[in-house]
Amino acid sequence: MFEFNLPTNELLTRRLRYLIQTEHNGSYAKLFEQLYDEVPDEGRLKLFKAYVDAGNVNGIFIRRLAEKTKIGQVSFSRFFDLYVDNAELFGD
């Protein structure tokens, strides 16, 4: 049996940071607004940033990403492919 350890938290963090940099001018608040249709207060934004930076997300968050960002235009197999870089993944 073949097993490997996919660093999904690290990969997800890299993908999200790239999206934040390229689509939201580095603003976590803008991504939050896009996902939740509201402006976050300082506490919620700090918590949101901590979760994103740690790659600590749940299925509901992944669904929101798929529905409201470019991530929804990418197959799971490509999104989690370690050999596909962010520019190739999200390039227009």
PDB file of N, CA and C in Angstrom:
ATOM      1  N   MET A   1       0.840  -1.175   0.000  1.00  0.00           N
ATOM      2  CA  MET A   1       0.000   0.000   0.000  1.00  0.00           C
ATOM      3  C   MET A   1       0.886   1.239   0.000  1.00  0.00           C
ATOM      4  N   PHE A   2       0.562   2.192  -0.852  1.00  0.00           N
ATOM      5  CA  PHE A   2       1.320   3.428  -0.973  1.00  0.00           C
ATOM      6  C   PHE A   2       0.633   4.522  -0.164  1.00  0.00           C
ATOM      7  N   GLU A   3       1.400   5.224   0.673  1.00  0.00           N
ATOM      8  CA  GLU A   3       0.864   6.347   1.438  1.00  0.00           C
ATOM      9  C   GLU A   3       1.778   7.540   1.287  1.00  0.00           C
ATOM     10  N   PHE A   4       1.202   8.714   1.309  1.00  0.00           N
ATOM     11  CA  PHE A   4       2.008   9.918   1.333  1.00  0.00           C
ATOM     12  C   PHE A   4       1.275  10.945   2.178  1.00  0.00           C
ATOM     13  N   ASN A   5       2.034  11.882   2.698  1.00  0.00           N
ATOM     14  CA  ASN A   5       1.472  12.915   3.554  1.00  0.00           C
ATOM     15  C   ASN A   5       1.379  14.205   2.754  1.00  0.00           C
ATOM     16  N   LEU A   6       0.169  14.587   2.410  1.00  0.00           N
ATOM     17  CA  LEU A   6      -0.057  15.802   1.651  1.00  0.00           C
ATOM     18  C   LEU A   6      -0.179  16.967   2.628  1.00  0.00           C
ATOM     19  N   PRO A   7       0.699  17.954   2.530  1.00  0.00           N
ATOM     20  CA  PRO A   7       0.662  19.094   3.458  1.00  0.00           C
ATOM     21  C   PRO A   7      -0.463  20.063   3.093  1.00  0.00           C
ATOM     22  N   THR A   8      -1.700  19.629   3.304  1.00  0.00           N
ATOM     23  CA  THR A   8      -2.842  20.410   2.834  1.00  0.00           C
ATOM     24  C   THR A   8      -2.941  21.768   3.506  1.00  0.00           C
ATOM     25  N   ASN A   9      -2.640  21.864   4.797  1.00  0.00           N
ATOM     26  CA  ASN A   9      -2.737  23.175   5.458  1.00  0.00           C
ATOM     27  C   ASN A   9      -1.759  24.162   4.840  1.00  0.00           C
ATOM     28  N   GLU A  10      -0.532  23.733   4.630  1.00  0.00           N
ATOM     29  CA  GLU A  10       0.482  24.607   4.033  1.00  0.00           C
ATOM     30  C   GLU A  10       0.113  24.983   2.599  1.00  0.00           C
ATOM     31  N   LEU A  11      -0.336  24.012   1.840  1.00  0.00           N
ATOM     32  CA  LEU A  11      -0.711  24.269   0.454  1.00  0.00           C
ATOM     33  C   LEU A  11      -1.917  25.198   0.391  1.00  0.00           C
ATOM     34  N   LEU A  12      -2.917  24.949   1.210  1.00  0.00           N
ATOM     35  CA  LEU A  12      -4.095  25.811   1.239  1.00  0.00           C
ATOM     36  C   LEU A  12      -3.712  27.235   1.629  1.00  0.00           C
ATOM     37  N   THR A  13      -2.838  27.375   2.594  1.00  0.00           N
ATOM     38  CA  THR A  13      -2.374  28.699   3.009  1.00  0.00           C
ATOM     39  C   THR A  13      -1.693  29.419   1.852  1.00  0.00           C
ATOM     40  N   ARG A  14      -0.824  28.735   1.137  1.00  0.00           N
ATOM     41  CA  ARG A  14      -0.143  29.356  -0.008  1.00  0.00           C
ATOM     42  C   ARG A  14      -1.135  29.780  -1.083  1.00  0.00           C
ATOM     43  N   ARG A  15      -2.108  28.913  -1.364  1.00  0.00           N
ATOM     44  CA  ARG A  15      -3.108  29.235  -2.388  1.00  0.00           C
ATOM     45  C   ARG A  15      -3.928  30.461  -1.968  1.00  0.00           C
ATOM     46  N   LEU A  16      -4.357  30.491  -0.725  1.00  0.00           N
ATOM     47  CA  LEU A  16      -5.174  31.612  -0.250  1.00  0.00           C
ATOM     48  C   LEU A  16      -4.380  32.913  -0.200  1.00  0.00           C
ATOM     49  N   ARG A  17      -3.134  32.856   0.255  1.00  0.00           N
ATOM     50  CA  ARG A  17      -2.309  34.068   0.276  1.00  0.00           C
ATOM     51  C   ARG A  17      -2.104  34.617  -1.135  1.00  0.00           C
ATOM     52  N   TYR A  18      -1.900  33.723  -2.085  1.00  0.00           N
ATOM     53  CA  TYR A  18      -1.749  34.158  -3.471  1.00  0.00           C
ATOM     54  C   TYR A  18      -3.023  34.853  -3.944  1.00  0.00           C
ATOM     55  N   LEU A  19      -4.167  34.246  -3.666  1.00  0.00           N
ATOM     56  CA  LEU A  19      -5.444  34.832  -4.051  1.00  0.00           C
ATOM     57  C   LEU A  19      -5.648  36.192  -3.381  1.00  0.00           C
ATOM     58  N   ILE A  20      -5.300  36.298  -2.122  1.00  0.00           N
ATOM     59  CA  ILE A  20      -5.427  37.567  -1.396  1.00  0.00           C
ATOM     60  C   ILE A  20      -4.523  38.624  -2.026  1.00  0.00           C
ATOM     61  N   GLN A  21      -3.308  38.253  -2.364  1.00  0.00           N
ATOM     62  CA  GLN A  21      -2.368  39.204  -2.967  1.00  0.00           C
ATOM     63  C   GLN A  21      -2.825  39.650  -4.352  1.00  0.00           C
ATOM     64  N   THR A  22      -3.272  38.705  -5.164  1.00  0.00           N
ATOM     65  CA  THR A  22      -3.580  39.036  -6.557  1.00  0.00           C
ATOM     66  C   THR A  22      -4.987  39.583  -6.763  1.00  0.00           C
ATOM     67  N   GLU A  23      -5.939  39.156  -5.984  1.00  0.00           N
ATOM     68  CA  GLU A  23      -7.326  39.562  -6.188  1.00  0.00           C
ATOM     69  C   GLU A  23      -7.802  40.635  -5.212  1.00  0.00           C
ATOM     70  N   HIS A  24      -7.109  40.773  -4.072  1.00  0.00           N
ATOM     71  CA  HIS A  24      -7.588  41.663  -3.014  1.00  0.00           C
ATOM     72  C   HIS A  24      -6.504  42.624  -2.515  1.00  0.00           C
ATOM     73  N   ASN A  25      -5.469  42.822  -3.325  1.00  0.00           N
ATOM     74  CA  ASN A  25      -4.373  43.738  -2.973  1.00  0.00           C
ATOM     75  C   ASN A  25      -3.807  43.485  -1.576  1.00  0.00           C
ATOM     76  N   GLY A  26      -3.733  42.216  -1.194  1.00  0.00           N
ATOM     77  CA  GLY A  26      -3.152  41.846   0.095  1.00  0.00           C
ATOM     78  C   GLY A  26      -4.077  42.023   1.283  1.00  0.00           C
ATOM     79  N   SER A  27      -5.332  42.348   1.046  1.00  0.00           N
ATOM     80  CA  SER A  27      -6.265  42.646   2.126  1.00  0.00           C
ATOM     81  C   SER A  27      -7.111  41.434   2.518  1.00  0.00           C
ATOM     82  N   TYR A  28      -6.874  40.941   3.721  1.00  0.00           N
ATOM     83  CA  TYR A  28      -7.689  39.849   4.250  1.00  0.00           C
ATOM     84  C   TYR A  28      -9.127  40.334   4.444  1.00  0.00           C
ATOM     85  N   ALA A  29      -9.283  41.599   4.784  1.00  0.00           N
ATOM     86  CA  ALA A  29     -10.620  42.168   5.004  1.00  0.00           C
ATOM     87  C   ALA A  29     -11.443  42.106   3.718  1.00  0.00           C
ATOM     88  N   LYS A  30     -10.814  42.361   2.573  1.00  0.00           N
ATOM     89  CA  LYS A  30     -11.544  42.315   1.303  1.00  0.00           C
ATOM     90  C   LYS A  30     -11.987  40.893   0.983  1.00  0.00           C
ATOM     91  N   LEU A  31     -11.133  39.898   1.270  1.00  0.00           N
ATOM     92  CA  LEU A  31     -11.542  38.507   1.063  1.00  0.00           C
ATOM     93  C   LEU A  31     -12.694  38.168   1.999  1.00  0.00           C
ATOM     94  N   PHE A  32     -12.599  38.585   3.252  1.00  0.00           N
ATOM     95  CA  PHE A  32     -13.672  38.342   4.215  1.00  0.00           C
ATOM     96  C   PHE A  32     -14.984  38.928   3.702  1.00  0.00           C
ATOM     97  N   GLU A  33     -14.938  40.166   3.222  1.00  0.00           N
ATOM     98  CA  GLU A  33     -16.138  40.824   2.706  1.00  0.00           C
ATOM     99  C   GLU A  33     -16.715  40.058   1.519  1.00  0.00           C
ATOM    100  N   GLN A  34     -15.850  39.577   0.646  1.00  0.00           N
ATOM    101  CA  GLN A  34     -16.314  38.817  -0.517  1.00  0.00           C
ATOM    102  C   GLN A  34     -17.003  37.526  -0.075  1.00  0.00           C
ATOM    103  N   LEU A  35     -16.446  36.866   0.926  1.00  0.00           N
ATOM    104  CA  LEU A  35     -16.994  35.581   1.358  1.00  0.00           C
ATOM    105  C   LEU A  35     -18.261  35.722   2.187  1.00  0.00           C
ATOM    106  N   TYR A  36     -18.299  36.733   3.048  1.00  0.00           N
ATOM    107  CA  TYR A  36     -19.390  36.835   4.024  1.00  0.00           C
ATOM    108  C   TYR A  36     -20.323  38.018   3.803  1.00  0.00           C
ATOM    109  N   ASP A  37     -20.073  38.823   2.787  1.00  0.00           N
ATOM    110  CA  ASP A  37     -20.921  39.966   2.469  1.00  0.00           C
ATOM    111  C   ASP A  37     -21.101  40.922   3.644  1.00  0.00           C
ATOM    112  N   GLU A  38     -20.060  41.096   4.418  1.00  0.00           N
ATOM    113  CA  GLU A  38     -20.071  42.057   5.517  1.00  0.00           C
ATOM    114  C   GLU A  38     -18.643  42.479   5.839  1.00  0.00           C
ATOM    115  N   VAL A  39     -18.522  43.643   6.439  1.00  0.00           N
ATOM    116  CA  VAL A  39     -17.217  44.155   6.847  1.00  0.00           C
ATOM    117  C   VAL A  39     -16.905  43.575   8.232  1.00  0.00           C
ATOM    118  N   PRO A  40     -15.741  42.943   8.375  1.00  0.00           N
ATOM    119  CA  PRO A  40     -15.425  42.343   9.673  1.00  0.00           C
ATOM    120  C   PRO A  40     -14.978  43.389  10.684  1.00  0.00           C
ATOM    121  N   ASP A  41     -15.323  43.140  11.954  1.00  0.00           N
ATOM    122  CA  ASP A  41     -14.748  43.993  12.997  1.00  0.00           C
ATOM    123  C   ASP A  41     -13.326  43.515  13.249  1.00  0.00           C
ATOM    124  N   GLU A  42     -12.586  44.251  14.033  1.00  0.00           N
ATOM    125  CA  GLU A  42     -11.161  43.958  14.243  1.00  0.00           C
ATOM    126  C   GLU A  42     -10.924  42.551  14.794  1.00  0.00           C
ATOM    127  N   GLY A  43     -11.753  42.127  15.736  1.00  0.00           N
ATOM    128  CA  GLY A  43     -11.597  40.800  16.339  1.00  0.00           C
ATOM    129  C   GLY A  43     -11.847  39.679  15.350  1.00  0.00           C
ATOM    130  N   ARG A  44     -12.914  39.804  14.573  1.00  0.00           N
ATOM    131  CA  ARG A  44     -13.225  38.763  13.577  1.00  0.00           C
ATOM    132  C   ARG A  44     -12.163  38.707  12.490  1.00  0.00           C
ATOM    133  N   LEU A  45     -11.661  39.867  12.088  1.00  0.00           N
ATOM    134  CA  LEU A  45     -10.628  39.898  11.062  1.00  0.00           C
ATOM    135  C   LEU A  45      -9.343  39.246  11.565  1.00  0.00           C
ATOM    136  N   LYS A  46      -8.988  39.511  12.800  1.00  0.00           N
ATOM    137  CA  LYS A  46      -7.787  38.909  13.384  1.00  0.00           C
ATOM    138  C   LYS A  46      -7.922  37.386  13.435  1.00  0.00           C
ATOM    139  N   LEU A  47      -9.082  36.900  13.847  1.00  0.00           N
ATOM    140  CA  LEU A  47      -9.334  35.459  13.898  1.00  0.00           C
ATOM    141  C   LEU A  47      -9.335  34.864  12.491  1.00  0.00           C
ATOM    142  N   PHE A  48      -9.973  35.529  11.549  1.00  0.00           N
ATOM    143  CA  PHE A  48     -10.013  35.079  10.163  1.00  0.00           C
ATOM    144  C   PHE A  48      -8.595  34.950   9.598  1.00  0.00           C
ATOM    145  N   LYS A  49      -7.790  35.975   9.815  1.00  0.00           N
ATOM    146  CA  LYS A  49      -6.413  35.964   9.327  1.00  0.00           C
ATOM    147  C   LYS A  49      -5.622  34.814   9.948  1.00  0.00           C
ATOM    148  N   ALA A  50      -5.807  34.586  11.235  1.00  0.00           N
ATOM    149  CA  ALA A  50      -5.091  33.498  11.912  1.00  0.00           C
ATOM    150  C   ALA A  50      -5.477  32.143  11.319  1.00  0.00           C
ATOM    151  N   TYR A  51      -6.760  31.937  11.082  1.00  0.00           N
ATOM    152  CA  TYR A  51      -7.201  30.664  10.494  1.00  0.00           C
ATOM    153  C   TYR A  51      -6.671  30.494   9.069  1.00  0.00           C
ATOM    154  N   VAL A  52      -6.749  31.536   8.270  1.00  0.00           N
ATOM    155  CA  VAL A  52      -6.250  31.448   6.893  1.00  0.00           C
ATOM    156  C   VAL A  52      -4.751  31.183   6.890  1.00  0.00           C
ATOM    157  N   ASP A  53      -3.999  31.922   7.702  1.00  0.00           N
ATOM    158  CA  ASP A  53      -2.544  31.759   7.730  1.00  0.00           C
ATOM    159  C   ASP A  53      -2.108  30.383   8.233  1.00  0.00           C
ATOM    160  N   ALA A  54      -2.950  29.748   9.026  1.00  0.00           N
ATOM    161  CA  ALA A  54      -2.632  28.409   9.519  1.00  0.00           C
ATOM    162  C   ALA A  54      -3.182  27.320   8.592  1.00  0.00           C
ATOM    163  N   GLY A  55      -4.010  27.728   7.615  1.00  0.00           N
ATOM    164  CA  GLY A  55      -4.641  26.732   6.754  1.00  0.00           C
ATOM    165  C   GLY A  55      -5.670  25.923   7.512  1.00  0.00           C
ATOM    166  N   ASN A  56      -6.143  26.466   8.618  1.00  0.00           N
ATOM    167  CA  ASN A  56      -7.080  25.774   9.496  1.00  0.00           C
ATOM    168  C   ASN A  56      -8.506  26.176   9.111  1.00  0.00           C
ATOM    169  N   VAL A  57      -9.062  25.465   8.138  1.00  0.00           N
ATOM    170  CA  VAL A  57     -10.383  25.806   7.622  1.00  0.00           C
ATOM    171  C   VAL A  57     -11.269  24.571   7.644  1.00  0.00           C
ATOM    172  N   ASN A  58     -12.576  24.793   7.502  1.00  0.00           N
ATOM    173  CA  ASN A  58     -13.506  23.662   7.496  1.00  0.00           C
ATOM    174  C   ASN A  58     -14.229  23.576   6.156  1.00  0.00           C
ATOM    175  N   GLY A  59     -15.103  22.606   6.047  1.00  0.00           N
ATOM    176  CA  GLY A  59     -15.826  22.382   4.797  1.00  0.00           C
ATOM    177  C   GLY A  59     -16.713  23.545   4.395  1.00  0.00           C
ATOM    178  N   ILE A  60     -17.322  24.202   5.352  1.00  0.00           N
ATOM    179  CA  ILE A  60     -18.181  25.350   5.056  1.00  0.00           C
ATOM    180  C   ILE A  60     -17.360  26.459   4.421  1.00  0.00           C
ATOM    181  N   PHE A  61     -16.163  26.689   4.957  1.00  0.00           N
ATOM    182  CA  PHE A  61     -15.282  27.713   4.411  1.00  0.00           C
ATOM    183  C   PHE A  61     -14.851  27.349   2.993  1.00  0.00           C
ATOM    184  N   ILE A  62     -14.493  26.097   2.781  1.00  0.00           N
ATOM    185  CA  ILE A  62     -14.096  25.633   1.445  1.00  0.00           C
ATOM    186  C   ILE A  62     -15.252  25.840   0.467  1.00  0.00           C
ATOM    187  N   ARG A  63     -16.473  25.551   0.901  1.00  0.00           N
ATOM    188  CA  ARG A  63     -17.631  25.758   0.035  1.00  0.00           C
ATOM    189  C   ARG A  63     -17.797  27.232  -0.319  1.00  0.00           C
ATOM    190  N   ARG A  64     -17.631  28.115   0.654  1.00  0.00           N
ATOM    191  CA  ARG A  64     -17.718  29.562   0.386  1.00  0.00           C
ATOM    192  C   ARG A  64     -16.648  29.983  -0.623  1.00  0.00           C
ATOM    193  N   LEU A  65     -15.438  29.466  -0.438  1.00  0.00           N
ATOM    194  CA  LEU A  65     -14.369  29.773  -1.388  1.00  0.00           C
ATOM    195  C   LEU A  65     -14.755  29.334  -2.792  1.00  0.00           C
ATOM    196  N   ALA A  66     -15.308  28.138  -2.896  1.00  0.00           N
ATOM    197  CA  ALA A  66     -15.699  27.604  -4.202  1.00  0.00           C
ATOM    198  C   ALA A  66     -16.815  28.430  -4.829  1.00  0.00           C
ATOM    199  N   GLU A  67     -17.743  28.900  -4.018  1.00  0.00           N
ATOM    200  CA  GLU A  67     -18.885  29.659  -4.540  1.00  0.00           C
ATOM    201  C   GLU A  67     -18.523  31.101  -4.890  1.00  0.00           C
ATOM    202  N   LYS A  68     -17.576  31.705  -4.176  1.00  0.00           N
ATOM    203  CA  LYS A  68     -17.381  33.147  -4.295  1.00  0.00           C
ATOM    204  C   LYS A  68     -16.006  33.593  -4.779  1.00  0.00           C
ATOM    205  N   THR A  69     -15.105  32.646  -5.069  1.00  0.00           N
ATOM    206  CA  THR A  69     -13.776  33.022  -5.547  1.00  0.00           C
ATOM    207  C   THR A  69     -13.392  32.169  -6.752  1.00  0.00           C
ATOM    208  N   LYS A  70     -12.238  32.455  -7.304  1.00  0.00           N
ATOM    209  CA  LYS A  70     -11.701  31.685  -8.433  1.00  0.00           C
ATOM    210  C   LYS A  70     -11.440  30.228  -8.064  1.00  0.00           C
ATOM    211  N   ILE A  71     -11.337  29.940  -6.790  1.00  0.00           N
ATOM    212  CA  ILE A  71     -11.071  28.566  -6.364  1.00  0.00           C
ATOM    213  C   ILE A  71     -12.156  27.630  -6.881  1.00  0.00           C
ATOM    214  N   GLY A  72     -13.371  28.125  -7.008  1.00  0.00           N
ATOM    215  CA  GLY A  72     -14.468  27.315  -7.512  1.00  0.00           C
ATOM    216  C   GLY A  72     -14.326  26.914  -8.966  1.00  0.00           C
ATOM    217  N   GLN A  73     -13.421  27.555  -9.679  1.00  0.00           N
ATOM    218  CA  GLN A  73     -13.209  27.249 -11.092  1.00  0.00           C
ATOM    219  C   GLN A  73     -12.104  26.209 -11.297  1.00  0.00           C
ATOM    220  N   VAL A  74     -11.548  25.730 -10.204  1.00  0.00           N
ATOM    221  CA  VAL A  74     -10.422  24.796 -10.254  1.00  0.00           C
ATOM    222  C   VAL A  74     -10.859  23.455  -9.662  1.00  0.00           C
ATOM    223  N   SER A  75     -10.496  22.369 -10.323  1.00  0.00           N
ATOM    224  CA  SER A  75     -10.838  21.055  -9.778  1.00  0.00           C
ATOM    225  C   SER A  75     -10.025  20.791  -8.507  1.00  0.00           C
ATOM    226  N   PHE A  76     -10.576  19.978  -7.630  1.00  0.00           N
ATOM    227  CA  PHE A  76      -9.874  19.627  -6.389  1.00  0.00           C
ATOM    228  C   PHE A  76      -8.525  18.989  -6.695  1.00  0.00           C
ATOM    229  N   SER A  77      -8.483  18.137  -7.703  1.00  0.00           N
ATOM    230  CA  SER A  77      -7.224  17.459  -8.002  1.00  0.00           C
ATOM    231  C   SER A  77      -6.141  18.465  -8.405  1.00  0.00           C
ATOM    232  N   ARG A  78      -6.497  19.493  -9.150  1.00  0.00           N
ATOM    233  CA  ARG A  78      -5.506  20.529  -9.515  1.00  0.00           C
ATOM    234  C   ARG A  78      -5.197  21.429  -8.331  1.00  0.00           C
ATOM    235  N   PHE A  79      -6.229  21.777  -7.559  1.00  0.00           N
ATOM    236  CA  PHE A  79      -6.032  22.662  -6.417  1.00  0.00           C
ATOM    237  C   PHE A  79      -5.031  22.079  -5.427  1.00  0.00           C
ATOM    238  N   PHE A  80      -5.102  20.773  -5.199  1.00  0.00           N
ATOM    239  CA  PHE A  80      -4.215  20.128  -4.236  1.00  0.00           C
ATOM    240  C   PHE A  80      -3.004  19.451  -4.882  1.00  0.00           C
ATOM    241  N   ASP A  81      -2.775  19.702  -6.149  1.00  0.00           N
ATOM    242  CA  ASP A  81      -1.606  19.156  -6.835  1.00  0.00           C
ATOM    243  C   ASP A  81      -0.376  19.986  -6.443  1.00  0.00           C
ATOM    244  N   LEU A  82       0.575  19.351  -5.804  1.00  0.00           N
ATOM    245  CA  LEU A  82       1.775  20.043  -5.330  1.00  0.00           C
ATOM    246  C   LEU A  82       2.621  20.601  -6.470  1.00  0.00           C
ATOM    247  N   TYR A  83       2.444  20.072  -7.666  1.00  0.00           N
ATOM    248  CA  TYR A  83       3.287  20.465  -8.789  1.00  0.00           C
ATOM    249  C   TYR A  83       2.663  21.560  -9.664  1.00  0.00           C
ATOM    250  N   VAL A  84       1.487  22.043  -9.289  1.00  0.00           N
ATOM    251  CA  VAL A  84       0.849  23.137 -10.016  1.00  0.00           C
ATOM    252  C   VAL A  84       1.068  24.402  -9.200  1.00  0.00           C
ATOM    253  N   ASP A  85       1.731  25.391  -9.794  1.00  0.00           N
ATOM    254  CA  ASP A  85       1.978  26.614  -9.030  1.00  0.00           C
ATOM    255  C   ASP A  85       0.760  27.537  -9.083  1.00  0.00           C
ATOM    256  N   ASN A  86       0.741  28.492  -8.180  1.00  0.00           N
ATOM    257  CA  ASN A  86      -0.416  29.373  -8.034  1.00  0.00           C
ATOM    258  C   ASN A  86      -0.720  30.167  -9.304  1.00  0.00           C
ATOM    259  N   ALA A  87       0.302  30.695  -9.951  1.00  0.00           N
ATOM    260  CA  ALA A  87       0.079  31.488 -11.162  1.00  0.00           C
ATOM    261  C   ALA A  87      -0.581  30.640 -12.248  1.00  0.00           C
ATOM    262  N   GLU A  88      -0.136  29.402 -12.375  1.00  0.00           N
ATOM    263  CA  GLU A  88      -0.731  28.495 -13.364  1.00  0.00           C
ATOM    264  C   GLU A  88      -2.163  28.132 -12.975  1.00  0.00           C
ATOM    265  N   LEU A  89      -2.378  27.939 -11.697  1.00  0.00           N
ATOM    266  CA  LEU A  89      -3.693  27.527 -11.205  1.00  0.00           C
ATOM    267  C   LEU A  89      -4.744  28.606 -11.389  1.00  0.00           C
ATOM    268  N   PHE A  90      -4.386  29.845 -11.051  1.00  0.00           N
ATOM    269  CA  PHE A  90      -5.364  30.937 -11.063  1.00  0.00           C
ATOM    270  C   PHE A  90      -5.206  31.897 -12.228  1.00  0.00           C
ATOM    271  N   GLY A  91      -4.267  31.619 -13.127  1.00  0.00           N
ATOM    272  CA  GLY A  91      -4.034  32.506 -14.257  1.00  0.00           C
ATOM    273  C   GLY A  91      -5.260  32.628 -15.132  1.00  0.00           C
ATOM    274  N   ASP A  92      -5.424  33.788 -15.678  1.00  0.00           N
ATOM    275  CA  ASP A  92      -6.595  34.032 -16.538  1.00  0.00           C
ATOM    276  C   ASP A  92      -6.299  33.702 -17.975  1.00  0.00           C
TER     277      ASP A  92
END
